[in-house]
Amino acid sequence: MATWVGDGLPAGLMERRQTSAVLGTVAADVASARVLIVADQPVLRNVIRTACGASQHLEVAAEVASGREALGAYRFLFPDLVLIDVSLPDMSGLEVARRLRREVPRPKILVLSGRTDDETLFESIRVGVDGYLEKTAGVREVVAALERLAAGERLITPEQERSAIEELGRLVRRAREASDIVPSIAPREIEILEHLGSGLTIRQVANRLGVSTRTVEARVAKLYRKLDASNRVQALAKAADLGLIELG
């Protein structure tokens, strides 16, 4: 993992800067796009670095393991492309992308995600990344994507845009549903849901609240109707989805 030295440059990048100064004319001749690799897994960084090194169109400017290091390295080196793993130890890769979008000059950003849910894809497109790949993609596909970005292409496919639009529709429907349901749930009912979510039985909830089991059963039945649920698991899942409670 990179560390910071006196002039603000991560250790290990000083040598790269000096080498670039010596070989600047060579880099200009081949017109390579300079890449910043942001991933906390050393194996992933090594594989991508090696593959980029084999490309005639790419040059690895630096590799870092955290969001903070990525922002610092970008502001010092100004690479053309930034490859970001969504999962970073200090902040989300999407948060890094969001901050880089405000930088001048703005780099082309390729997000690499280990998640397959449409929500992550939607958030990536909303942030404004230039490309999105899942980690199931081979290293050749990653390098090809970087080369296409360097050539000025945008890699968000029509299928990805459709998935993002569908996810937006789900979020809108969820928000509308929440606006209808949430105000109808009383604080006492939320307390009951929290107790049920912690694994307490109806009798235990009644003892905790100092009421009869019949009272709690009546409250739970009412909650089921409000949440359109037929059992405890459905009710708790719906309540968590609406932000009424937290599970786990």
C-alpha atoms as a PDB file:
ATOM      1  CA  MET A   1       0.000   0.000   0.000  1.00  0.00           C
ATOM      2  CA  ALA A   2       1.307   3.459  -0.888  1.00  0.00           C
ATOM      3  CA  THR A   3       2.348   5.862   1.854  1.00  0.00           C
ATOM      4  CA  TRP A   4       2.769   9.626   1.684  1.00  0.00           C
ATOM      5  CA  VAL A   5       6.088  11.464   1.549  1.00  0.00           C
ATOM      6  CA  GLY A   6       7.023  15.099   2.111  1.00  0.00           C
ATOM      7  CA  ASP A   7       5.994  16.627  -1.206  1.00  0.00           C
ATOM      8  CA  GLY A   8       2.593  14.911  -1.201  1.00  0.00           C
ATOM      9  CA  LEU A   9       3.509  12.112  -3.602  1.00  0.00           C
ATOM     10  CA  PRO A  10       2.867   8.486  -2.557  1.00  0.00           C
ATOM     11  CA  ALA A  11       6.069   6.548  -1.964  1.00  0.00           C
ATOM     12  CA  GLY A  12       6.902   4.545  -5.055  1.00  0.00           C
ATOM     13  CA  LEU A  13       5.522   7.239  -7.370  1.00  0.00           C
ATOM     14  CA  MET A  14       8.568   9.526  -7.004  1.00  0.00           C
ATOM     15  CA  GLU A  15      10.645   7.142  -9.072  1.00  0.00           C
ATOM     16  CA  ARG A  16       7.875   6.951 -11.680  1.00  0.00           C
ATOM     17  CA  ARG A  17       7.805  10.747 -11.944  1.00  0.00           C
ATOM     18  CA  GLN A  18      11.587  10.902 -12.414  1.00  0.00           C
ATOM     19  CA  THR A  19      11.506   8.100 -14.975  1.00  0.00           C
ATOM     20  CA  SER A  20       8.694   9.830 -16.864  1.00  0.00           C
ATOM     21  CA  ALA A  21      10.784  13.001 -17.022  1.00  0.00           C
ATOM     22  CA  VAL A  22      13.651  11.069 -18.620  1.00  0.00           C
ATOM     23  CA  LEU A  23      11.445   9.084 -21.003  1.00  0.00           C
ATOM     24  CA  GLY A  24       8.951  11.848 -21.737  1.00  0.00           C
ATOM     25  CA  THR A  25       9.798  12.019 -25.435  1.00  0.00           C
ATOM     26  CA  VAL A  26       9.359   8.267 -25.798  1.00  0.00           C
ATOM     27  CA  ALA A  27       5.945   8.360 -24.114  1.00  0.00           C
ATOM     28  CA  ALA A  28       4.911  11.200 -26.399  1.00  0.00           C
ATOM     29  CA  ASP A  29       5.972   9.236 -29.480  1.00  0.00           C
ATOM     30  CA  VAL A  30       3.797   6.215 -28.675  1.00  0.00           C
ATOM     31  CA  ALA A  31       0.932   8.407 -27.472  1.00  0.00           C
ATOM     32  CA  SER A  32       0.139   6.050 -24.605  1.00  0.00           C
ATOM     33  CA  ALA A  33      -2.801   6.848 -22.324  1.00  0.00           C
ATOM     34  CA  ARG A  34      -1.656   6.999 -18.710  1.00  0.00           C
ATOM     35  CA  VAL A  35      -3.651   4.815 -16.296  1.00  0.00           C
ATOM     36  CA  LEU A  36      -4.142   5.069 -12.534  1.00  0.00           C
ATOM     37  CA  ILE A  37      -5.119   1.690 -11.050  1.00  0.00           C
ATOM     38  CA  VAL A  38      -7.162   1.886  -7.845  1.00  0.00           C
ATOM     39  CA  ALA A  39      -7.746  -1.480  -6.146  1.00  0.00           C
ATOM     40  CA  ASP A  40      -6.986  -2.818  -2.683  1.00  0.00           C
ATOM     41  CA  GLN A  41      -6.141  -6.347  -3.858  1.00  0.00           C
ATOM     42  CA  PRO A  42      -2.434  -6.626  -4.790  1.00  0.00           C
ATOM     43  CA  VAL A  43      -3.059  -9.586  -7.105  1.00  0.00           C
ATOM     44  CA  LEU A  44      -5.681  -7.644  -9.068  1.00  0.00           C
ATOM     45  CA  ARG A  45      -3.400  -4.612  -9.363  1.00  0.00           C
ATOM     46  CA  ASN A  46      -0.483  -6.773 -10.505  1.00  0.00           C
ATOM     47  CA  VAL A  47      -2.507  -8.568 -13.167  1.00  0.00           C
ATOM     48  CA  ILE A  48      -3.932  -5.356 -14.580  1.00  0.00           C
ATOM     49  CA  ARG A  49      -0.554  -3.601 -14.453  1.00  0.00           C
ATOM     50  CA  THR A  50       1.089  -6.450 -16.345  1.00  0.00           C
ATOM     51  CA  ALA A  51      -1.662  -6.516 -18.960  1.00  0.00           C
ATOM     52  CA  CYS A  52      -1.540  -2.738 -19.435  1.00  0.00           C
ATOM     53  CA  GLY A  53       2.233  -2.981 -19.801  1.00  0.00           C
ATOM     54  CA  ALA A  54       1.745  -5.329 -22.734  1.00  0.00           C
ATOM     55  CA  SER A  55      -0.496  -2.826 -24.510  1.00  0.00           C
ATOM     56  CA  GLN A  56       0.995  -0.382 -26.989  1.00  0.00           C
ATOM     57  CA  HIS A  57      -1.659   2.176 -26.063  1.00  0.00           C
ATOM     58  CA  LEU A  58      -1.520   2.164 -22.253  1.00  0.00           C
ATOM     59  CA  GLU A  59       1.027   3.156 -19.642  1.00  0.00           C
ATOM     60  CA  VAL A  60       0.487   2.618 -15.913  1.00  0.00           C
ATOM     61  CA  ALA A  61       1.116   5.967 -14.213  1.00  0.00           C
ATOM     62  CA  ALA A  62       0.571   4.572 -10.705  1.00  0.00           C
ATOM     63  CA  GLU A  63      -1.308   2.017  -8.638  1.00  0.00           C
ATOM     64  CA  VAL A  64      -2.822   2.656  -5.219  1.00  0.00           C
ATOM     65  CA  ALA A  65      -4.909   0.705  -2.729  1.00  0.00           C
ATOM     66  CA  SER A  66      -7.342   3.254  -1.266  1.00  0.00           C
ATOM     67  CA  GLY A  67      -9.615   6.112  -2.208  1.00  0.00           C
ATOM     68  CA  ARG A  68      -7.557   8.698  -0.346  1.00  0.00           C
ATOM     69  CA  GLU A  69      -4.404   7.621  -2.141  1.00  0.00           C
ATOM     70  CA  ALA A  70      -6.236   7.647  -5.471  1.00  0.00           C
ATOM     71  CA  LEU A  71      -7.311  11.269  -5.084  1.00  0.00           C
ATOM     72  CA  GLY A  72      -3.815  12.317  -4.034  1.00  0.00           C
ATOM     73  CA  ALA A  73      -2.140  10.427  -6.871  1.00  0.00           C
ATOM     74  CA  TYR A  74      -4.546  11.851  -9.439  1.00  0.00           C
ATOM     75  CA  ARG A  75      -3.944  15.441  -8.333  1.00  0.00           C
ATOM     76  CA  PHE A  76      -0.191  14.920  -8.675  1.00  0.00           C
ATOM     77  CA  LEU A  77       0.004  12.849 -11.845  1.00  0.00           C
ATOM     78  CA  PHE A  78      -3.164  13.777 -13.806  1.00  0.00           C
ATOM     79  CA  PRO A  79      -3.519  10.412 -15.589  1.00  0.00           C
ATOM     80  CA  ASP A  80      -5.825  10.118 -18.592  1.00  0.00           C
ATOM     81  CA  LEU A  81      -7.692   7.061 -17.299  1.00  0.00           C
ATOM     82  CA  VAL A  82      -8.616   5.840 -13.827  1.00  0.00           C
ATOM     83  CA  LEU A  83      -9.613   2.220 -13.219  1.00  0.00           C
ATOM     84  CA  ILE A  84     -11.466   1.977  -9.895  1.00  0.00           C
ATOM     85  CA  ASP A  85     -12.554  -1.084  -7.938  1.00  0.00           C
ATOM     86  CA  VAL A  86     -15.914  -0.362  -6.298  1.00  0.00           C
ATOM     87  CA  SER A  87     -14.780  -2.028  -3.049  1.00  0.00           C
ATOM     88  CA  LEU A  88     -12.064  -0.009  -1.307  1.00  0.00           C
ATOM     89  CA  PRO A  89     -11.049  -0.043   2.373  1.00  0.00           C
ATOM     90  CA  ASP A  90     -11.624   3.625   3.196  1.00  0.00           C
ATOM     91  CA  MET A  91     -14.437   4.775   0.899  1.00  0.00           C
ATOM     92  CA  SER A  92     -16.578   3.474  -1.917  1.00  0.00           C
ATOM     93  CA  GLY A  93     -14.999   3.408  -5.328  1.00  0.00           C
ATOM     94  CA  LEU A  94     -18.081   5.263  -6.543  1.00  0.00           C
ATOM     95  CA  GLU A  95     -17.346   8.057  -4.072  1.00  0.00           C
ATOM     96  CA  VAL A  96     -13.843   8.279  -5.533  1.00  0.00           C
ATOM     97  CA  ALA A  97     -15.374   8.463  -9.021  1.00  0.00           C
ATOM     98  CA  ARG A  98     -17.781  11.177  -7.867  1.00  0.00           C
ATOM     99  CA  ARG A  99     -14.925  13.310  -6.549  1.00  0.00           C
ATOM    100  CA  LEU A 100     -12.791  12.743  -9.637  1.00  0.00           C
ATOM    101  CA  ARG A 101     -15.674  13.963 -11.782  1.00  0.00           C
ATOM    102  CA  ARG A 102     -15.176  17.386 -10.182  1.00  0.00           C
ATOM    103  CA  GLU A 103     -11.459  17.496 -10.972  1.00  0.00           C
ATOM    104  CA  VAL A 104      -9.971  19.562 -13.817  1.00  0.00           C
ATOM    105  CA  PRO A 105      -8.955  18.056 -16.126  1.00  0.00           C
ATOM    106  CA  ARG A 106     -11.509  15.289 -15.647  1.00  0.00           C
ATOM    107  CA  PRO A 107     -10.200  11.758 -16.301  1.00  0.00           C
ATOM    108  CA  LYS A 108     -12.020   8.967 -18.086  1.00  0.00           C
ATOM    109  CA  ILE A 109     -13.253   6.565 -15.394  1.00  0.00           C
ATOM    110  CA  LEU A 110     -13.744   2.808 -15.692  1.00  0.00           C
ATOM    111  CA  VAL A 111     -15.427   1.111 -12.726  1.00  0.00           C
ATOM    112  CA  LEU A 112     -14.726  -2.516 -11.899  1.00  0.00           C
ATOM    113  CA  SER A 113     -17.399  -4.106  -9.713  1.00  0.00           C
ATOM    114  CA  GLY A 114     -17.627  -7.448  -7.972  1.00  0.00           C
ATOM    115  CA  ARG A 115     -21.362  -6.917  -7.524  1.00  0.00           C
ATOM    116  CA  THR A 116     -23.984  -7.991 -10.030  1.00  0.00           C
ATOM    117  CA  ASP A 117     -26.933  -5.955  -8.736  1.00  0.00           C
ATOM    118  CA  ASP A 118     -28.554  -3.280 -10.873  1.00  0.00           C
ATOM    119  CA  GLU A 119     -28.343  -0.809  -7.987  1.00  0.00           C
ATOM    120  CA  THR A 120     -24.535  -0.601  -8.247  1.00  0.00           C
ATOM    121  CA  LEU A 121     -24.781  -0.199 -12.011  1.00  0.00           C
ATOM    122  CA  PHE A 122     -27.388   2.541 -11.581  1.00  0.00           C
ATOM    123  CA  GLU A 123     -25.262   4.405  -9.037  1.00  0.00           C
ATOM    124  CA  SER A 124     -22.229   4.153 -11.337  1.00  0.00           C
ATOM    125  CA  ILE A 125     -24.124   5.651 -14.261  1.00  0.00           C
ATOM    126  CA  ARG A 126     -25.632   8.328 -12.037  1.00  0.00           C
ATOM    127  CA  VAL A 127     -22.138   9.298 -10.869  1.00  0.00           C
ATOM    128  CA  GLY A 128     -21.162   9.671 -14.516  1.00  0.00           C
ATOM    129  CA  VAL A 129     -18.509   7.015 -15.077  1.00  0.00           C
ATOM    130  CA  ASP A 130     -17.428   6.332 -18.642  1.00  0.00           C
ATOM    131  CA  GLY A 131     -17.421   2.554 -18.393  1.00  0.00           C
ATOM    132  CA  TYR A 132     -18.634  -0.248 -16.117  1.00  0.00           C
ATOM    133  CA  LEU A 133     -17.337  -3.809 -15.993  1.00  0.00           C
ATOM    134  CA  GLU A 134     -18.003  -6.689 -13.647  1.00  0.00           C
ATOM    135  CA  LYS A 135     -15.023  -8.508 -12.158  1.00  0.00           C
ATOM    136  CA  THR A 136     -16.044 -11.611 -14.059  1.00  0.00           C
ATOM    137  CA  ALA A 137     -14.640  -9.848 -17.129  1.00  0.00           C
ATOM    138  CA  GLY A 138     -11.258 -11.181 -18.218  1.00  0.00           C
ATOM    139  CA  VAL A 139      -8.136  -9.059 -17.993  1.00  0.00           C
ATOM    140  CA  ARG A 140      -8.079  -8.728 -21.789  1.00  0.00           C
ATOM    141  CA  GLU A 141     -11.566  -7.254 -21.671  1.00  0.00           C
ATOM    142  CA  VAL A 142     -10.453  -4.767 -19.012  1.00  0.00           C
ATOM    143  CA  VAL A 143      -7.468  -3.674 -21.105  1.00  0.00           C
ATOM    144  CA  ALA A 144      -9.622  -3.460 -24.252  1.00  0.00           C
ATOM    145  CA  ALA A 145     -12.092  -1.276 -22.353  1.00  0.00           C
ATOM    146  CA  LEU A 146      -9.294   1.056 -21.229  1.00  0.00           C
ATOM    147  CA  GLU A 147      -7.992   1.277 -24.799  1.00  0.00           C
ATOM    148  CA  ARG A 148     -11.465   2.138 -26.089  1.00  0.00           C
ATOM    149  CA  LEU A 149     -11.861   4.823 -23.437  1.00  0.00           C
ATOM    150  CA  ALA A 150      -8.484   6.231 -24.446  1.00  0.00           C
ATOM    151  CA  ALA A 151      -9.769   6.366 -28.027  1.00  0.00           C
ATOM    152  CA  GLY A 152     -12.700   8.504 -26.896  1.00  0.00           C
ATOM    153  CA  GLU A 153     -15.443   5.872 -26.686  1.00  0.00           C
ATOM    154  CA  ARG A 154     -18.003   5.642 -23.896  1.00  0.00           C
ATOM    155  CA  LEU A 155     -18.551   2.096 -22.697  1.00  0.00           C
ATOM    156  CA  ILE A 156     -21.980   2.263 -21.076  1.00  0.00           C
ATOM    157  CA  THR A 157     -23.976  -0.128 -23.249  1.00  0.00           C
ATOM    158  CA  PRO A 158     -27.672   0.226 -24.163  1.00  0.00           C
ATOM    159  CA  GLU A 159     -28.366  -2.884 -22.069  1.00  0.00           C
ATOM    160  CA  GLN A 160     -26.687  -1.296 -19.040  1.00  0.00           C
ATOM    161  CA  GLU A 161     -28.656   1.909 -19.565  1.00  0.00           C
ATOM    162  CA  ARG A 162     -31.904  -0.077 -19.718  1.00  0.00           C
ATOM    163  CA  SER A 163     -30.991  -1.884 -16.493  1.00  0.00           C
ATOM    164  CA  ALA A 164     -30.236   1.455 -14.848  1.00  0.00           C
ATOM    165  CA  ILE A 165     -33.574   2.879 -15.995  1.00  0.00           C
ATOM    166  CA  GLU A 166     -35.380  -0.178 -14.620  1.00  0.00           C
ATOM    167  CA  GLU A 167     -33.569   0.272 -11.296  1.00  0.00           C
ATOM    168  CA  LEU A 168     -34.564   3.949 -11.275  1.00  0.00           C
ATOM    169  CA  GLY A 169     -38.176   2.870 -11.769  1.00  0.00           C
ATOM    170  CA  ARG A 170     -37.910   0.493  -8.820  1.00  0.00           C
ATOM    171  CA  LEU A 171     -36.423   3.241  -6.648  1.00  0.00           C
ATOM    172  CA  VAL A 172     -39.215   5.643  -7.600  1.00  0.00           C
ATOM    173  CA  ARG A 173     -41.888   3.046  -6.848  1.00  0.00           C
ATOM    174  CA  ARG A 174     -40.206   2.253  -3.532  1.00  0.00           C
ATOM    175  CA  ALA A 175     -40.119   5.945  -2.634  1.00  0.00           C
ATOM    176  CA  ARG A 176     -43.810   6.359  -3.460  1.00  0.00           C
ATOM    177  CA  GLU A 177     -44.661   3.271  -1.457  1.00  0.00           C
ATOM    178  CA  ALA A 178     -42.622   4.527   1.480  1.00  0.00           C
ATOM    179  CA  SER A 179     -44.391   7.886   1.368  1.00  0.00           C
ATOM    180  CA  ASP A 180     -47.717   6.050   1.702  1.00  0.00           C
ATOM    181  CA  ILE A 181     -46.752   3.438   4.309  1.00  0.00           C
ATOM    182  CA  VAL A 182     -44.145   5.008   6.582  1.00  0.00           C
ATOM    183  CA  PRO A 183     -46.376   7.759   8.031  1.00  0.00           C
ATOM    184  CA  SER A 184     -48.939   5.118   8.993  1.00  0.00           C
ATOM    185  CA  ILE A 185     -46.498   3.135  11.169  1.00  0.00           C
ATOM    186  CA  ALA A 186     -46.664   4.291  14.788  1.00  0.00           C
ATOM    187  CA  PRO A 187     -43.482   4.534  16.926  1.00  0.00           C
ATOM    188  CA  ARG A 188     -44.772   1.681  19.106  1.00  0.00           C
ATOM    189  CA  GLU A 189     -45.157  -0.493  16.014  1.00  0.00           C
ATOM    190  CA  ILE A 190     -41.609   0.289  14.918  1.00  0.00           C
ATOM    191  CA  GLU A 191     -40.440  -0.734  18.387  1.00  0.00           C
ATOM    192  CA  ILE A 192     -42.251  -4.052  18.008  1.00  0.00           C
ATOM    193  CA  LEU A 193     -40.656  -4.587  14.591  1.00  0.00           C
ATOM    194  CA  GLU A 194     -37.208  -3.907  16.070  1.00  0.00           C
ATOM    195  CA  HIS A 195     -37.794  -6.457  18.821  1.00  0.00           C
ATOM    196  CA  LEU A 196     -39.039  -9.040  16.332  1.00  0.00           C
ATOM    197  CA  GLY A 197     -36.034  -8.312  14.145  1.00  0.00           C
ATOM    198  CA  SER A 198     -33.712  -9.038  17.070  1.00  0.00           C
ATOM    199  CA  GLY A 199     -35.236 -12.525  17.329  1.00  0.00           C
ATOM    200  CA  LEU A 200     -37.645 -12.084  20.255  1.00  0.00           C
ATOM    201  CA  THR A 201     -40.858 -14.081  20.374  1.00  0.00           C
ATOM    202  CA  ILE A 202     -44.282 -12.475  20.751  1.00  0.00           C
ATOM    203  CA  ARG A 203     -44.299 -13.352  24.446  1.00  0.00           C
ATOM    204  CA  GLN A 204     -40.812 -11.906  24.942  1.00  0.00           C
ATOM    205  CA  VAL A 205     -41.821  -8.711  23.154  1.00  0.00           C
ATOM    206  CA  ALA A 206     -44.877  -8.442  25.386  1.00  0.00           C
ATOM    207  CA  ASN A 207     -42.734  -8.859  28.502  1.00  0.00           C
ATOM    208  CA  ARG A 208     -40.258  -6.293  27.245  1.00  0.00           C
ATOM    209  CA  LEU A 209     -43.009  -3.746  26.592  1.00  0.00           C
ATOM    210  CA  GLY A 210     -45.032  -4.594  29.702  1.00  0.00           C
ATOM    211  CA  VAL A 211     -48.217  -5.478  27.796  1.00  0.00           C
ATOM    212  CA  SER A 212     -50.181  -8.650  27.135  1.00  0.00           C
ATOM    213  CA  THR A 213     -49.317 -11.079  24.362  1.00  0.00           C
ATOM    214  CA  ARG A 214     -52.780 -10.454  22.890  1.00  0.00           C
ATOM    215  CA  THR A 215     -51.948  -6.754  22.551  1.00  0.00           C
ATOM    216  CA  VAL A 216     -48.706  -7.526  20.727  1.00  0.00           C
ATOM    217  CA  GLU A 217     -50.446 -10.072  18.482  1.00  0.00           C
ATOM    218  CA  ALA A 218     -53.028  -7.471  17.531  1.00  0.00           C
ATOM    219  CA  ARG A 219     -50.308  -4.939  16.758  1.00  0.00           C
ATOM    220  CA  VAL A 220     -48.400  -7.479  14.652  1.00  0.00           C
ATOM    221  CA  ALA A 221     -51.535  -8.393  12.682  1.00  0.00           C
ATOM    222  CA  LYS A 222     -52.104  -4.706  11.990  1.00  0.00           C
ATOM    223  CA  LEU A 223     -48.491  -4.338  10.881  1.00  0.00           C
ATOM    224  CA  TYR A 224     -48.875  -7.252   8.482  1.00  0.00           C
ATOM    225  CA  ARG A 225     -51.811  -5.484   6.826  1.00  0.00           C
ATOM    226  CA  LYS A 226     -49.975  -2.181   6.563  1.00  0.00           C
ATOM    227  CA  LEU A 227     -46.865  -3.803   5.130  1.00  0.00           C
ATOM    228  CA  ASP A 228     -48.811  -6.214   2.902  1.00  0.00           C
ATOM    229  CA  ALA A 229     -47.004  -9.139   4.531  1.00  0.00           C
ATOM    230  CA  SER A 230     -48.204 -12.605   5.483  1.00  0.00           C
ATOM    231  CA  ASN A 231     -45.442 -13.572   7.917  1.00  0.00           C
ATOM    232  CA  ARG A 232     -42.707 -12.182  10.118  1.00  0.00           C
ATOM    233  CA  VAL A 233     -39.903 -12.513   7.564  1.00  0.00           C
ATOM    234  CA  GLN A 234     -41.866 -10.639   4.903  1.00  0.00           C
ATOM    235  CA  ALA A 235     -42.840  -7.904   7.369  1.00  0.00           C
ATOM    236  CA  LEU A 236     -39.284  -7.422   8.586  1.00  0.00           C
ATOM    237  CA  ALA A 237     -37.874  -7.427   5.046  1.00  0.00           C
ATOM    238  CA  LYS A 238     -40.420  -4.831   3.947  1.00  0.00           C
ATOM    239  CA  ALA A 239     -39.801  -2.685   7.024  1.00  0.00           C
ATOM    240  CA  ALA A 240     -36.042  -2.778   6.415  1.00  0.00           C
ATOM    241  CA  ASP A 241     -36.511  -1.986   2.734  1.00  0.00           C
ATOM    242  CA  LEU A 242     -38.564   1.077   3.685  1.00  0.00           C
ATOM    243  CA  GLY A 243     -35.928   2.214   6.138  1.00  0.00           C
ATOM    244  CA  LEU A 244     -38.124   1.694   9.210  1.00  0.00           C
ATOM    245  CA  ILE A 245     -35.674  -0.667  10.900  1.00  0.00           C
ATOM    246  CA  GLU A 246     -32.159  -2.009  10.450  1.00  0.00           C
ATOM    247  CA  LEU A 247     -31.478  -5.724  10.394  1.00  0.00           C
ATOM    248  CA  GLY A 248     -28.284  -7.473  11.371  1.00  0.00           C
END
